[in-house]
Protein backbone atom coordinates (compact mmCIF):
# COMPACT_ATOMS: atom_id res chain seq x y z
CA MET A 1 -57.23 32.40 70.52
CA LYS A 2 -53.43 33.35 70.62
CA ASP A 3 -50.82 31.46 68.35
CA SER A 4 -49.01 30.66 71.43
CA ILE A 5 -51.87 28.71 73.30
CA ILE A 6 -52.78 27.07 70.13
CA VAL A 7 -48.99 25.87 69.71
CA LYS A 8 -49.32 24.60 73.41
CA LEU A 9 -52.63 22.60 72.63
CA GLU A 10 -50.63 21.28 69.44
CA GLY A 11 -47.86 19.83 71.59
CA LEU A 12 -50.27 18.24 73.88
CA TYR A 13 -52.12 16.56 71.22
CA GLU A 14 -48.75 15.21 69.97
CA LYS A 15 -48.11 14.07 73.59
CA PHE A 16 -51.46 12.40 73.50
CA LYS A 17 -51.05 10.24 70.70
CA GLN A 18 -47.66 9.36 71.70
CA LEU A 19 -49.17 7.95 74.77
CA GLU A 20 -51.76 6.05 72.83
CA SER A 21 -48.89 4.74 71.01
CA ILE A 22 -46.95 3.52 74.18
CA LEU A 23 -49.99 2.16 75.91
CA SER A 24 -50.32 -0.18 73.11
CA LYS A 25 -47.33 -1.65 73.42
CA PRO A 26 -47.10 -5.34 74.90
CA GLU A 27 -43.88 -4.47 77.71
CA ILE A 28 -46.02 -1.58 78.84
CA ILE A 29 -49.12 -3.69 79.19
CA CYS A 30 -47.27 -6.23 81.19
CA ASP A 31 -46.02 -3.60 83.56
CA GLN A 32 -49.23 -2.53 85.39
CA LYS A 33 -47.70 -0.03 87.46
CA LYS A 34 -46.20 2.03 84.47
CA ALA A 35 -49.44 1.22 82.65
CA GLN A 36 -51.53 2.55 85.19
CA LYS A 37 -49.33 5.77 85.64
CA LEU A 38 -49.50 6.40 81.76
CA SER A 39 -52.99 5.47 81.81
CA GLN A 40 -54.16 8.36 84.10
CA GLU A 41 -51.96 10.87 82.05
CA TYR A 42 -53.98 9.95 79.05
CA LEU A 43 -57.36 10.27 80.34
CA LYS A 44 -56.10 13.67 81.76
CA LEU A 45 -55.50 14.65 78.32
CA SER A 46 -58.34 13.06 76.60
CA ASN A 47 -60.95 15.69 77.21
CA LEU A 48 -58.63 18.19 76.50
CA VAL A 49 -57.35 16.93 73.22
CA HIS A 50 -61.28 16.04 72.22
CA CYS A 51 -62.38 19.59 72.95
CA PHE A 52 -59.29 20.71 70.94
CA LEU A 53 -60.06 18.54 67.57
CA ASP A 54 -63.74 19.92 68.28
CA TRP A 55 -62.53 23.49 68.09
CA LYS A 56 -59.96 22.76 65.15
CA ASN A 57 -63.21 21.18 63.05
CA ILE A 58 -65.41 24.30 63.88
CA ASN A 59 -62.32 26.64 62.82
CA GLN A 60 -62.16 24.45 59.65
CA GLU A 61 -65.81 24.87 58.91
CA ILE A 62 -65.97 28.58 59.58
CA LYS A 63 -63.33 29.28 57.00
CA SER A 64 -64.89 27.36 54.37
CA LEU A 65 -68.43 28.74 54.95
CA LYS A 66 -67.02 32.21 54.82
CA SER A 67 -65.67 31.41 51.45
CA LEU A 68 -69.64 31.08 50.18
CA LEU A 69 -70.32 34.34 51.14
CA ASN A 70 -69.56 35.89 47.75
CA ASP A 71 -72.63 33.55 46.58
CA SER A 72 -75.52 36.16 46.67
CA GLU A 73 -78.03 33.03 46.85
CA MET A 74 -76.39 31.50 49.55
CA PHE A 75 -75.93 34.46 51.65
CA ASN A 76 -78.36 34.50 54.29
CA ILE A 77 -78.02 30.54 54.77
CA VAL A 78 -74.49 30.63 55.32
CA LEU A 79 -74.76 33.91 57.36
CA GLU A 80 -77.14 32.08 59.70
CA GLU A 81 -74.80 28.71 59.91
CA LEU A 82 -71.75 31.25 60.65
CA ASN A 83 -73.48 32.56 63.45
CA ILE A 84 -74.25 29.27 65.35
CA LEU A 85 -70.79 28.05 64.65
CA ASN A 86 -69.40 31.14 65.88
CA LYS A 87 -71.19 31.07 69.34
CA LYS A 88 -69.93 27.22 69.41
CA HIS A 89 -66.42 28.42 68.60
CA ILE A 90 -66.25 30.65 71.92
CA ILE A 91 -67.78 28.36 73.96
CA LEU A 92 -65.15 25.70 72.77
CA GLU A 93 -62.38 28.49 73.06
CA ASN A 94 -63.28 29.41 76.62
CA LYS A 95 -63.66 25.80 77.67
CA LEU A 96 -60.15 24.94 76.45
CA LYS A 97 -58.85 28.32 78.21
CA SER A 98 -60.45 26.75 81.31
CA MET A 99 -58.72 23.46 81.09
CA LEU A 100 -55.67 24.75 80.31
CA ILE A 101 -55.32 26.69 83.55
CA PRO A 102 -53.32 24.56 86.10
CA GLU A 103 -55.15 23.18 88.90
CA ASP A 104 -54.30 24.22 92.69
CA PRO A 105 -54.73 21.80 94.94
CA GLU A 106 -55.30 24.27 97.53
CA ASP A 107 -58.36 25.61 96.13
CA LYS A 108 -60.50 22.81 97.63
CA LYS A 109 -59.70 23.34 100.94
CA SER A 110 -61.03 24.82 103.51
CA CYS A 111 -59.07 27.92 105.06
CA PHE A 112 -58.25 30.23 108.29
CA ILE A 113 -58.99 33.70 107.89
CA GLU A 114 -57.32 36.18 110.20
CA ILE A 115 -58.32 39.71 110.42
CA ARG A 116 -56.73 42.39 111.93
CA ALA A 117 -57.12 46.12 112.91
CA ALA A 118 -54.13 47.92 111.65
CA THR A 119 -54.27 51.72 111.41
CA GLY A 120 -57.24 53.71 112.61
CA GLY A 121 -57.28 52.76 116.55
CA ASN A 122 -61.32 51.96 117.41
CA GLU A 123 -62.37 52.64 113.78
CA ALA A 124 -60.09 50.16 112.37
CA ALA A 125 -61.36 47.48 115.01
CA ILE A 126 -64.82 48.30 114.16
CA PHE A 127 -64.04 47.80 110.34
CA ALA A 128 -62.74 44.53 111.05
CA GLY A 129 -66.17 43.58 112.77
CA ASP A 130 -67.58 44.65 109.32
CA LEU A 131 -65.38 42.51 107.40
CA PHE A 132 -66.11 39.53 109.48
CA ARG A 133 -69.99 39.88 109.19
CA MET A 134 -69.24 40.28 105.18
CA TYR A 135 -67.39 37.03 105.15
CA GLY A 136 -69.82 35.48 107.61
CA ARG A 137 -72.77 36.40 105.05
CA TYR A 138 -70.87 35.21 102.09
CA ALA A 139 -70.01 31.79 103.72
CA GLU A 140 -73.72 31.43 104.39
CA ASN A 141 -74.77 32.07 100.99
CA CYS A 142 -72.18 29.36 99.97
CA ASN A 143 -73.73 26.87 102.75
CA TRP A 144 -70.31 26.71 104.14
CA ASN A 145 -69.66 26.69 108.07
CA ILE A 146 -67.63 29.18 110.32
CA ASP A 147 -65.99 28.39 113.63
CA ILE A 148 -64.34 31.38 115.39
CA LEU A 149 -61.12 30.43 117.08
CA SER A 150 -59.81 33.64 118.51
CA CYS A 151 -61.02 36.96 119.15
CA HIS A 152 -59.90 39.98 120.79
CA GLU A 153 -62.78 42.64 120.62
CA GLY A 154 -62.23 46.21 120.25
CA GLU A 155 -63.10 48.68 123.00
CA GLN A 156 -66.07 50.43 120.67
CA GLY A 157 -66.86 47.37 118.79
CA GLY A 158 -65.56 45.12 116.15
CA PHE A 159 -62.21 43.23 116.79
CA LYS A 160 -58.60 44.26 117.31
CA GLN A 161 -58.02 40.44 116.03
CA ILE A 162 -60.33 37.55 114.96
CA ILE A 163 -59.08 34.29 113.57
CA ILE A 164 -61.90 32.18 112.08
CA LYS A 165 -62.32 29.01 109.98
CA ILE A 166 -64.34 28.48 107.00
CA ASN A 167 -65.69 24.95 106.21
CA GLY A 168 -66.22 23.86 102.75
CA LEU A 169 -65.41 22.42 99.33
CA GLY A 170 -63.81 25.08 97.50
CA VAL A 171 -63.65 27.60 99.85
CA CYS A 172 -59.46 28.87 99.59
CA GLY A 173 -60.06 28.93 95.97
CA ARG A 174 -62.73 31.28 96.25
CA LEU A 175 -61.56 33.55 99.17
CA LYS A 176 -57.57 33.33 98.51
CA PHE A 177 -57.62 36.79 96.68
CA GLU A 178 -59.08 38.61 100.22
CA SER A 179 -55.44 38.28 101.73
CA GLY A 180 -53.75 41.85 102.23
CA GLY A 181 -54.82 45.33 102.96
CA HIS A 182 -58.32 46.64 103.14
CA ARG A 183 -58.85 50.66 103.32
CA VAL A 184 -62.04 51.93 104.56
CA GLN A 185 -63.04 55.72 103.98
CA ARG A 186 -66.11 56.79 106.22
CA VAL A 187 -67.04 58.93 109.14
CA PRO A 188 -66.60 57.33 112.13
CA LYS A 189 -69.35 57.40 114.73
CA THR A 190 -66.96 58.76 117.52
CA GLU A 191 -66.30 61.66 114.74
CA SER A 192 -68.27 64.82 115.98
CA GLN A 193 -67.31 67.27 113.04
CA GLY A 194 -68.44 64.72 110.29
CA ARG A 195 -64.97 64.58 108.87
CA ILE A 196 -64.06 61.24 106.70
CA HIS A 197 -61.55 59.05 108.48
CA THR A 198 -59.15 56.53 106.70
CA SER A 199 -58.56 53.34 108.52
CA THR A 200 -57.11 49.66 107.56
CA CYS A 201 -57.26 46.48 108.16
CA THR A 202 -55.33 43.48 106.92
CA VAL A 203 -56.76 39.89 106.17
CA ALA A 204 -54.65 36.89 105.49
CA VAL A 205 -56.29 33.73 104.42
CA ILE A 206 -54.51 30.44 105.09
CA PRO A 207 -55.24 26.83 103.54
CA GLU A 208 -55.95 24.53 105.76
CA VAL A 209 -53.29 21.77 106.00
CA PRO A 210 -54.47 18.23 105.95
CA GLN A 211 -53.77 15.82 108.50
CA THR A 212 -51.40 13.94 106.36
CA ASN A 213 -49.34 17.15 105.07
CA LYS A 214 -49.04 18.76 108.25
CA VAL A 215 -45.56 20.57 109.12
CA ILE A 216 -43.25 18.47 111.65
CA ILE A 217 -42.93 21.02 114.24
CA ASN A 218 -40.39 19.90 117.00
CA PRO A 219 -41.86 20.51 120.79
CA SER A 220 -38.76 21.98 121.73
CA ASP A 221 -39.31 24.96 119.37
CA LEU A 222 -42.37 26.00 121.08
CA LYS A 223 -42.99 28.07 123.80
CA ILE A 224 -46.79 27.56 125.33
CA ASP A 225 -48.34 30.00 127.42
CA THR A 226 -51.76 29.50 129.07
CA PHE A 227 -54.22 32.75 130.17
CA ARG A 228 -57.84 33.43 130.86
CA SER A 229 -59.83 34.18 127.97
CA SER A 230 -61.48 37.77 127.28
CA GLY A 231 -64.50 38.98 126.03
CA ALA A 232 -67.93 37.07 125.85
CA GLY A 233 -67.54 33.56 126.01
CA GLY A 234 -69.78 32.44 129.42
CA GLN A 235 -68.82 32.28 133.08
CA HIS A 236 -66.56 29.27 132.83
CA VAL A 237 -64.56 30.19 129.88
CA ASN A 238 -63.63 33.58 131.75
CA THR A 239 -62.59 32.29 135.09
CA THR A 240 -60.31 29.33 133.84
CA ASP A 241 -56.90 29.19 132.15
CA SER A 242 -58.22 27.45 129.14
CA ALA A 243 -56.69 29.80 126.60
CA ILE A 244 -53.40 29.10 124.69
CA ARG A 245 -50.84 30.81 123.18
CA ILE A 246 -48.36 29.14 121.30
CA THR A 247 -44.86 30.90 119.88
CA HIS A 248 -42.81 28.96 117.49
CA ILE A 249 -39.40 30.37 118.30
CA PRO A 250 -37.54 29.88 115.06
CA THR A 251 -40.00 31.73 112.86
CA GLY A 252 -41.08 34.02 115.58
CA THR A 253 -45.13 32.89 114.54
CA VAL A 254 -47.58 33.35 117.71
CA VAL A 255 -50.98 31.58 117.48
CA GLU A 256 -53.47 32.51 120.16
CA CYS A 257 -56.77 30.18 120.48
CA GLN A 258 -59.63 30.42 123.37
CA ASP A 259 -62.79 29.29 121.59
CA GLU A 260 -62.91 26.14 123.48
CA ARG A 261 -63.65 25.61 127.38
CA SER A 262 -60.87 22.68 126.98
CA GLN A 263 -57.31 23.65 127.33
CA HIS A 264 -56.50 20.32 124.96
CA LYS A 265 -58.70 21.62 122.17
CA ASN A 266 -57.63 25.00 122.28
CA LYS A 267 -54.06 23.59 121.89
CA ALA A 268 -55.20 21.21 119.00
CA LYS A 269 -56.75 24.56 117.25
CA ALA A 270 -53.85 26.80 117.72
CA LEU A 271 -51.22 23.90 116.53
CA SER A 272 -53.61 23.54 113.61
CA ILE A 273 -53.19 27.15 112.76
CA LEU A 274 -49.37 27.07 113.37
CA SER A 275 -49.00 24.70 110.88
CA ALA A 276 -51.27 26.32 108.27
CA ARG A 277 -49.15 29.60 108.59
CA ILE A 278 -45.85 28.04 108.72
CA LEU A 279 -46.60 25.99 105.66
CA ALA A 280 -48.24 29.30 103.95
CA ASN A 281 -45.09 31.14 104.81
CA GLU A 282 -42.74 28.67 103.21
CA LYS A 283 -45.10 28.84 100.17
CA SER A 284 -45.18 32.26 99.64
CA LYS A 285 -41.35 32.48 99.57
CA GLN A 286 -41.38 29.96 96.85
CA GLN A 287 -43.83 31.64 94.76
CA LYS A 288 -41.99 35.18 95.07
CA GLU A 289 -38.72 33.22 93.64
CA ASN A 290 -40.40 31.05 90.87
CA SER A 291 -43.99 32.76 89.99
CA PHE A 292 -44.62 33.60 86.35
CA ILE A 293 -47.55 35.58 87.35
CA ARG A 294 -46.66 39.22 85.89
CA ARG A 295 -49.15 40.59 88.96
CA ASN A 296 -49.35 39.86 92.34
CA LEU A 297 -52.96 39.16 92.55
CA LEU A 298 -52.71 37.10 95.32
CA GLY A 299 -51.87 39.07 98.68
CA THR A 300 -49.69 38.14 101.39
CA GLY A 301 -51.97 39.37 104.06
CA ASP A 302 -49.32 42.18 105.02
CA ARG A 303 -50.30 45.94 105.42
CA SER A 304 -48.15 46.60 102.20
CA ASP A 305 -50.51 45.18 100.10
CA ARG A 306 -53.60 47.53 99.43
CA ASN A 307 -56.34 45.31 97.65
CA ARG A 308 -59.26 47.35 98.34
CA THR A 309 -60.96 50.75 99.47
CA TYR A 310 -64.43 50.70 100.64
CA ASN A 311 -65.67 54.41 100.66
CA PHE A 312 -69.05 54.68 102.43
CA PRO A 313 -70.10 58.30 101.38
CA GLN A 314 -70.15 57.05 97.82
CA ASN A 315 -71.11 53.58 98.13
CA ARG A 316 -68.15 52.66 96.24
CA ILE A 317 -65.65 49.76 96.50
CA THR A 318 -62.26 49.78 94.75
CA ASP A 319 -60.24 46.78 94.11
CA HIS A 320 -56.73 48.46 93.02
CA ARG A 321 -55.10 45.14 91.82
CA ILE A 322 -57.37 45.16 88.66
CA ASN A 323 -58.65 48.99 88.70
CA LEU A 324 -61.94 47.58 89.25
CA THR A 325 -64.41 50.21 91.01
CA LEU A 326 -68.45 49.44 91.50
CA TYR A 327 -70.67 51.32 93.19
CA CYS A 328 -72.30 48.88 95.46
CA LEU A 329 -70.90 48.77 98.75
CA ASP A 330 -73.77 47.83 100.70
CA ASP A 331 -74.36 44.60 98.30
CA VAL A 332 -70.69 43.40 99.00
CA LEU A 333 -70.79 44.08 102.60
CA ASN A 334 -74.07 42.16 102.93
CA GLY A 335 -72.19 39.11 101.34
CA ASN A 336 -72.50 39.37 97.39
CA LEU A 337 -68.70 39.00 97.14
CA ASN A 338 -69.10 37.40 93.94
CA LEU A 339 -69.24 41.27 92.25
CA LEU A 340 -65.40 41.32 93.23
CA ILE A 341 -64.33 37.68 93.11
CA GLU A 342 -65.56 36.80 89.54
CA PRO A 343 -63.60 39.48 87.89
CA ILE A 344 -60.23 39.06 89.71
CA THR A 345 -60.50 35.42 89.27
CA GLN A 346 -60.81 36.08 85.27
CA GLU A 347 -57.88 38.38 85.76
CA TYR A 348 -55.81 35.66 87.45
CA HIS A 349 -56.59 33.16 84.85
CA ALA A 350 -55.69 35.45 82.15
CA ASP A 351 -52.44 36.03 83.95
CA LEU A 352 -51.85 31.96 84.37
CA LEU A 353 -52.62 31.59 80.30
CA SER A 354 -50.06 34.70 79.66
CA ASN A 355 -47.45 31.94 80.29
CA TYR A 356 -47.96 30.27 76.97
CA GLU A 357 -46.97 33.53 75.46
């Protein structure tokens, strides 16, 4: 473990002891509000400190045992014991590192995913459909629910744009690294000469905003239009002005929703997406100003971000942010996204821990 992390842990241990001392004082015991606040902080540090003390004890045992390796009679016994302690040591070290990573409250939330065809015309729209199915299959594997909020179908299949909501515990934490540019390299169905084309889509992952934290939007800042739904959806959906388009004038943010038959329900969904999008943009600006993360692994959903390349002829997928290349594109598109999510999550956590250097 890095010295910088040990220094951080020692500091937290000292803080824990100070809290223990403060909580025993009569004036704190009498002040219930203050005692409750300090107790919560104490309990939060408790697991971390006990894990750290166990790690230190094992560390000391390992050092003591190593001094006995020179004894030929004890060598085999000591070596066996060292192997056991080293395994425990690694487990505790990894546990400590995970405990030090600051918890992001948004990780537990559901989220909206907006997939847009960028460059490549019909082929980009077809690929947007592939990405939608990939996220759908991953959601099924995780027992999450999907709602389609809005979609504009491509002329030859797929989607020019589709907005979905994925509901479940921990959705945002797993999918937050999907934001950004996704590039596909393959021979389009429309290509008669077998040439490989490159097309792109953008994906934006936006955390759902709880009702209590919703952005206060001035109604006078909104331009609301109604129109008929497009694409498949049933006779009633396509013959009434139930679809809603809301433009937030100060930011220029536009949201459409046409999934429901009811205009009121579409408006409620559109306002929910709008609130989430405005809050996400504000948070993104703050992160750019205050972020200590050395590499921007969390994409913005802009075209300029280049997350991945999906190369069909070679069955290859590359995540450019962490220089990871895998030859299992079929598996990933069938919903085995953990092959990519796990490595980038580890890199992200490593960057967070580097703050202690």
